[in-house]
């Protein structure tokens, strides 16, 4: 018993789904590991500063 065209259609659908979703793939921003670490550190410090300002009510 063969499935006919159903298998091929499912394969094409899965291929499209895999290419559309970037899940599991790291985006390449052209930065070295050290530069990426520095950039991420600065972003996290900014986020932490904003969170601390939000926590402390103005007096």
PDB file of N, CA and C in Angstrom:
ATOM      1  N   UNK A   1       0.839  -1.177   0.000  1.00  0.00           N
ATOM      2  CA  UNK A   1       0.000   0.000   0.000  1.00  0.00           C
ATOM      3  C   UNK A   1       0.889   1.249   0.000  1.00  0.00           C
ATOM      4  N   UNK A   2       0.744   2.063  -0.997  1.00  0.00           N
ATOM      5  CA  UNK A   2       1.563   3.266  -1.068  1.00  0.00           C
ATOM      6  C   UNK A   2       0.722   4.470  -0.701  1.00  0.00           C
ATOM      7  N   UNK A   3       1.412   5.483  -0.267  1.00  0.00           N
ATOM      8  CA  UNK A   3       0.705   6.686   0.175  1.00  0.00           C
ATOM      9  C   UNK A   3       0.545   7.685  -0.953  1.00  0.00           C
ATOM     10  N   UNK A   4       1.164   7.409  -2.078  1.00  0.00           N
ATOM     11  CA  UNK A   4       1.007   8.294  -3.216  1.00  0.00           C
ATOM     12  C   UNK A   4       1.672   9.635  -2.989  1.00  0.00           C
ATOM     13  N   UNK A   5       0.960  10.671  -3.303  1.00  0.00           N
ATOM     14  CA  UNK A   5       1.505  12.029  -3.252  1.00  0.00           C
ATOM     15  C   UNK A   5       1.547  12.591  -1.832  1.00  0.00           C
ATOM     16  N   UNK A   6       0.854  11.964  -0.905  1.00  0.00           N
ATOM     17  CA  UNK A   6       0.751  12.489   0.460  1.00  0.00           C
ATOM     18  C   UNK A   6       2.121  12.620   1.118  1.00  0.00           C
ATOM     19  N   UNK A   7       2.971  11.632   0.921  1.00  0.00           N
ATOM     20  CA  UNK A   7       4.303  11.660   1.530  1.00  0.00           C
ATOM     21  C   UNK A   7       5.120  12.827   0.978  1.00  0.00           C
ATOM     22  N   UNK A   8       5.059  13.019  -0.333  1.00  0.00           N
ATOM     23  CA  UNK A   8       5.821  14.110  -0.952  1.00  0.00           C
ATOM     24  C   UNK A   8       5.302  15.469  -0.478  1.00  0.00           C
ATOM     25  N   UNK A   9       3.990  15.616  -0.386  1.00  0.00           N
ATOM     26  CA  UNK A   9       3.423  16.880   0.092  1.00  0.00           C
ATOM     27  C   UNK A   9       3.825  17.151   1.536  1.00  0.00           C
ATOM     28  N   UNK A  10       3.803  16.116   2.364  1.00  0.00           N
ATOM     29  CA  UNK A  10       4.205  16.278   3.758  1.00  0.00           C
ATOM     30  C   UNK A  10       5.676  16.655   3.846  1.00  0.00           C
ATOM     31  N   UNK A  11       6.492  16.063   2.996  1.00  0.00           N
ATOM     32  CA  UNK A  11       7.922  16.378   2.983  1.00  0.00           C
ATOM     33  C   UNK A  11       8.151  17.843   2.587  1.00  0.00           C
ATOM     34  N   UNK A  12       7.438  18.300   1.559  1.00  0.00           N
ATOM     35  CA  UNK A  12       7.579  19.694   1.130  1.00  0.00           C
ATOM     36  C   UNK A  12       7.099  20.654   2.217  1.00  0.00           C
ATOM     37  N   UNK A  13       5.993  20.311   2.848  1.00  0.00           N
ATOM     38  CA  UNK A  13       5.461  21.157   3.919  1.00  0.00           C
ATOM     39  C   UNK A  13       6.450  21.257   5.074  1.00  0.00           C
ATOM     40  N   UNK A  14       7.054  20.137   5.434  1.00  0.00           N
ATOM     41  CA  UNK A  14       8.022  20.123   6.523  1.00  0.00           C
ATOM     42  C   UNK A  14       9.268  20.924   6.166  1.00  0.00           C
ATOM     43  N   UNK A  15       9.732  20.809   4.927  1.00  0.00           N
ATOM     44  CA  UNK A  15      10.910  21.569   4.494  1.00  0.00           C
ATOM     45  C   UNK A  15      10.636  23.068   4.584  1.00  0.00           C
ATOM     46  N   UNK A  16       9.453  23.486   4.134  1.00  0.00           N
ATOM     47  CA  UNK A  16       9.097  24.899   4.193  1.00  0.00           C
ATOM     48  C   UNK A  16       9.026  25.371   5.644  1.00  0.00           C
ATOM     49  N   UNK A  17       8.439  24.551   6.490  1.00  0.00           N
ATOM     50  CA  UNK A  17       8.313  24.888   7.904  1.00  0.00           C
ATOM     51  C   UNK A  17       9.686  25.037   8.553  1.00  0.00           C
ATOM     52  N   UNK A  18      10.611  24.152   8.212  1.00  0.00           N
ATOM     53  CA  UNK A  18      11.947  24.193   8.797  1.00  0.00           C
ATOM     54  C   UNK A  18      12.727  25.413   8.320  1.00  0.00           C
ATOM     55  N   UNK A  19      12.560  25.795   7.055  1.00  0.00           N
ATOM     56  CA  UNK A  19      13.305  26.950   6.553  1.00  0.00           C
ATOM     57  C   UNK A  19      12.697  28.254   7.055  1.00  0.00           C
ATOM     58  N   UNK A  20      11.372  28.292   7.232  1.00  0.00           N
ATOM     59  CA  UNK A  20      10.725  29.512   7.705  1.00  0.00           C
ATOM     60  C   UNK A  20      11.077  29.807   9.149  1.00  0.00           C
ATOM     61  N   UNK A  21      11.105  28.779   9.964  1.00  0.00           N
ATOM     62  CA  UNK A  21      11.411  29.019  11.369  1.00  0.00           C
ATOM     63  C   UNK A  21      12.916  28.977  11.558  1.00  0.00           C
ATOM     64  N   UNK A  22      13.440  29.966  12.222  1.00  0.00           N
ATOM     65  CA  UNK A  22      14.872  30.020  12.467  1.00  0.00           C
ATOM     66  C   UNK A  22      15.242  29.334  13.759  1.00  0.00           C
ATOM     67  N   UNK A  23      14.356  28.529  14.276  1.00  0.00           N
ATOM     68  CA  UNK A  23      14.592  27.884  15.563  1.00  0.00           C
ATOM     69  C   UNK A  23      15.815  26.981  15.488  1.00  0.00           C
ATOM     70  N   UNK A  24      16.648  27.110  16.480  1.00  0.00           N
ATOM     71  CA  UNK A  24      17.832  26.272  16.537  1.00  0.00           C
ATOM     72  C   UNK A  24      19.017  26.858  15.811  1.00  0.00           C
ATOM     73  N   UNK A  25      18.792  27.945  15.123  1.00  0.00           N
ATOM     74  CA  UNK A  25      19.889  28.567  14.393  1.00  0.00           C
ATOM     75  C   UNK A  25      20.254  29.877  15.079  1.00  0.00           C
ATOM     76  N   UNK A  26      21.536  30.070  15.261  1.00  0.00           N
ATOM     77  CA  UNK A  26      22.001  31.314  15.849  1.00  0.00           C
ATOM     78  C   UNK A  26      22.183  32.323  14.729  1.00  0.00           C
ATOM     79  N   UNK A  27      21.704  33.500  14.940  1.00  0.00           N
ATOM     80  CA  UNK A  27      21.887  34.508  13.901  1.00  0.00           C
ATOM     81  C   UNK A  27      23.325  34.987  13.933  1.00  0.00           C
ATOM     82  N   UNK A  28      23.860  35.166  12.778  1.00  0.00           N
ATOM     83  CA  UNK A  28      25.259  35.550  12.660  1.00  0.00           C
ATOM     84  C   UNK A  28      25.321  37.065  12.491  1.00  0.00           C
ATOM     85  N   UNK A  29      25.771  37.748  13.515  1.00  0.00           N
ATOM     86  CA  UNK A  29      25.835  39.198  13.451  1.00  0.00           C
ATOM     87  C   UNK A  29      27.240  39.690  13.146  1.00  0.00           C
ATOM     88  N   UNK A  30      28.144  38.798  12.841  1.00  0.00           N
ATOM     89  CA  UNK A  30      29.489  39.188  12.444  1.00  0.00           C
ATOM     90  C   UNK A  30      30.383  39.588  13.601  1.00  0.00           C
ATOM     91  N   UNK A  31      29.983  39.308  14.822  1.00  0.00           N
ATOM     92  CA  UNK A  31      30.788  39.678  15.981  1.00  0.00           C
ATOM     93  C   UNK A  31      31.575  38.477  16.484  1.00  0.00           C
ATOM     94  N   UNK A  32      32.719  38.769  17.033  1.00  0.00           N
ATOM     95  CA  UNK A  32      33.485  37.698  17.672  1.00  0.00           C
ATOM     96  C   UNK A  32      32.820  37.367  19.005  1.00  0.00           C
ATOM     97  N   UNK A  33      33.251  36.289  19.611  1.00  0.00           N
ATOM     98  CA  UNK A  33      32.652  35.873  20.881  1.00  0.00           C
ATOM     99  C   UNK A  33      32.862  36.937  21.955  1.00  0.00           C
ATOM    100  N   UNK A  34      34.052  37.529  21.991  1.00  0.00           N
ATOM    101  CA  UNK A  34      34.340  38.551  23.003  1.00  0.00           C
ATOM    102  C   UNK A  34      33.484  39.797  22.777  1.00  0.00           C
ATOM    103  N   UNK A  35      33.337  40.201  21.517  1.00  0.00           N
ATOM    104  CA  UNK A  35      32.533  41.386  21.214  1.00  0.00           C
ATOM    105  C   UNK A  35      31.065  41.131  21.544  1.00  0.00           C
ATOM    106  N   UNK A  36      30.583  39.943  21.245  1.00  0.00           N
ATOM    107  CA  UNK A  36      29.197  39.600  21.553  1.00  0.00           C
ATOM    108  C   UNK A  36      28.969  39.602  23.060  1.00  0.00           C
ATOM    109  N   UNK A  37      29.943  39.073  23.795  1.00  0.00           N
ATOM    110  CA  UNK A  37      29.841  39.028  25.255  1.00  0.00           C
ATOM    111  C   UNK A  37      29.805  40.441  25.828  1.00  0.00           C
ATOM    112  N   UNK A  38      30.639  41.328  25.299  1.00  0.00           N
ATOM    113  CA  UNK A  38      30.678  42.718  25.746  1.00  0.00           C
ATOM    114  C   UNK A  38      29.346  43.412  25.457  1.00  0.00           C
ATOM    115  N   UNK A  39      28.837  43.212  24.241  1.00  0.00           N
ATOM    116  CA  UNK A  39      27.576  43.840  23.855  1.00  0.00           C
ATOM    117  C   UNK A  39      26.437  43.349  24.742  1.00  0.00           C
ATOM    118  N   UNK A  40      26.381  42.045  24.964  1.00  0.00           N
ATOM    119  CA  UNK A  40      25.331  41.482  25.798  1.00  0.00           C
ATOM    120  C   UNK A  40      25.440  41.968  27.238  1.00  0.00           C
ATOM    121  N   UNK A  41      26.658  42.131  27.717  1.00  0.00           N
ATOM    122  CA  UNK A  41      26.879  42.624  29.071  1.00  0.00           C
ATOM    123  C   UNK A  41      26.331  44.042  29.222  1.00  0.00           C
ATOM    124  N   UNK A  42      26.599  44.880  28.227  1.00  0.00           N
ATOM    125  CA  UNK A  42      26.103  46.260  28.277  1.00  0.00           C
ATOM    126  C   UNK A  42      24.576  46.286  28.247  1.00  0.00           C
ATOM    127  N   UNK A  43      23.988  45.450  27.425  1.00  0.00           N
ATOM    128  CA  UNK A  43      22.530  45.399  27.338  1.00  0.00           C
ATOM    129  C   UNK A  43      21.932  44.961  28.673  1.00  0.00           C
ATOM    130  N   UNK A  44      22.533  43.949  29.287  1.00  0.00           N
ATOM    131  CA  UNK A  44      22.019  43.458  30.565  1.00  0.00           C
ATOM    132  C   UNK A  44      22.176  44.501  31.666  1.00  0.00           C
ATOM    133  N   UNK A  45      23.259  45.264  31.648  1.00  0.00           N
ATOM    134  CA  UNK A  45      23.446  46.320  32.641  1.00  0.00           C
ATOM    135  C   UNK A  45      22.381  47.399  32.482  1.00  0.00           C
ATOM    136  N   UNK A  46      22.051  47.741  31.237  1.00  0.00           N
ATOM    137  CA  UNK A  46      21.005  48.730  31.004  1.00  0.00           C
ATOM    138  C   UNK A  46      19.656  48.217  31.505  1.00  0.00           C
ATOM    139  N   UNK A  47      19.370  46.960  31.232  1.00  0.00           N
ATOM    140  CA  UNK A  47      18.110  46.380  31.694  1.00  0.00           C
ATOM    141  C   UNK A  47      18.036  46.357  33.214  1.00  0.00           C
ATOM    142  N   UNK A  48      19.154  46.019  33.855  1.00  0.00           N
ATOM    143  CA  UNK A  48      19.184  45.969  35.314  1.00  0.00           C
ATOM    144  C   UNK A  48      18.983  47.362  35.899  1.00  0.00           C
ATOM    145  N   UNK A  49      19.590  48.361  35.281  1.00  0.00           N
ATOM    146  CA  UNK A  49      19.441  49.740  35.744  1.00  0.00           C
ATOM    147  C   UNK A  49      17.982  50.174  35.640  1.00  0.00           C
ATOM    148  N   UNK A  50      17.337  49.844  34.524  1.00  0.00           N
ATOM    149  CA  UNK A  50      15.937  50.196  34.351  1.00  0.00           C
ATOM    150  C   UNK A  50      15.060  49.478  35.375  1.00  0.00           C
ATOM    151  N   UNK A  51      15.371  48.223  35.655  1.00  0.00           N
ATOM    152  CA  UNK A  51      14.587  47.469  36.633  1.00  0.00           C
ATOM    153  C   UNK A  51      14.748  48.064  38.023  1.00  0.00           C
ATOM    154  N   UNK A  52      15.966  48.468  38.369  1.00  0.00           N
ATOM    155  CA  UNK A  52      16.204  49.068  39.680  1.00  0.00           C
ATOM    156  C   UNK A  52      15.494  50.404  39.809  1.00  0.00           C
ATOM    157  N   UNK A  53      15.476  51.194  38.745  1.00  0.00           N
ATOM    158  CA  UNK A  53      14.779  52.477  38.775  1.00  0.00           C
ATOM    159  C   UNK A  53      13.278  52.259  38.925  1.00  0.00           C
ATOM    160  N   UNK A  54      12.778  51.208  38.326  1.00  0.00           N
ATOM    161  CA  UNK A  54      11.358  50.913  38.400  1.00  0.00           C
ATOM    162  C   UNK A  54      10.971  50.456  39.809  1.00  0.00           C
ATOM    163  N   UNK A  55      11.862  49.719  40.469  1.00  0.00           N
ATOM    164  CA  UNK A  55      11.596  49.219  41.819  1.00  0.00           C
ATOM    165  C   UNK A  55      11.563  50.340  42.840  1.00  0.00           C
ATOM    166  N   UNK A  56      12.527  51.252  42.752  1.00  0.00           N
ATOM    167  CA  UNK A  56      12.650  52.313  43.747  1.00  0.00           C
ATOM    168  C   UNK A  56      11.638  53.418  43.457  1.00  0.00           C
ATOM    169  N   UNK A  57      10.704  53.633  44.369  1.00  0.00           N
ATOM    170  CA  UNK A  57       9.749  54.727  44.151  1.00  0.00           C
ATOM    171  C   UNK A  57      10.437  56.073  44.380  1.00  0.00           C
ATOM    172  N   UNK A  58      10.109  57.059  43.582  1.00  0.00           N
ATOM    173  CA  UNK A  58      10.719  58.389  43.784  1.00  0.00           C
ATOM    174  C   UNK A  58      10.278  58.987  45.108  1.00  0.00           C
ATOM    175  N   UNK A  59      11.203  59.648  45.792  1.00  0.00           N
ATOM    176  CA  UNK A  59      10.896  60.230  47.106  1.00  0.00           C
ATOM    177  C   UNK A  59      10.621  61.700  47.008  1.00  0.00           C
TER     178      UNK A  59
END
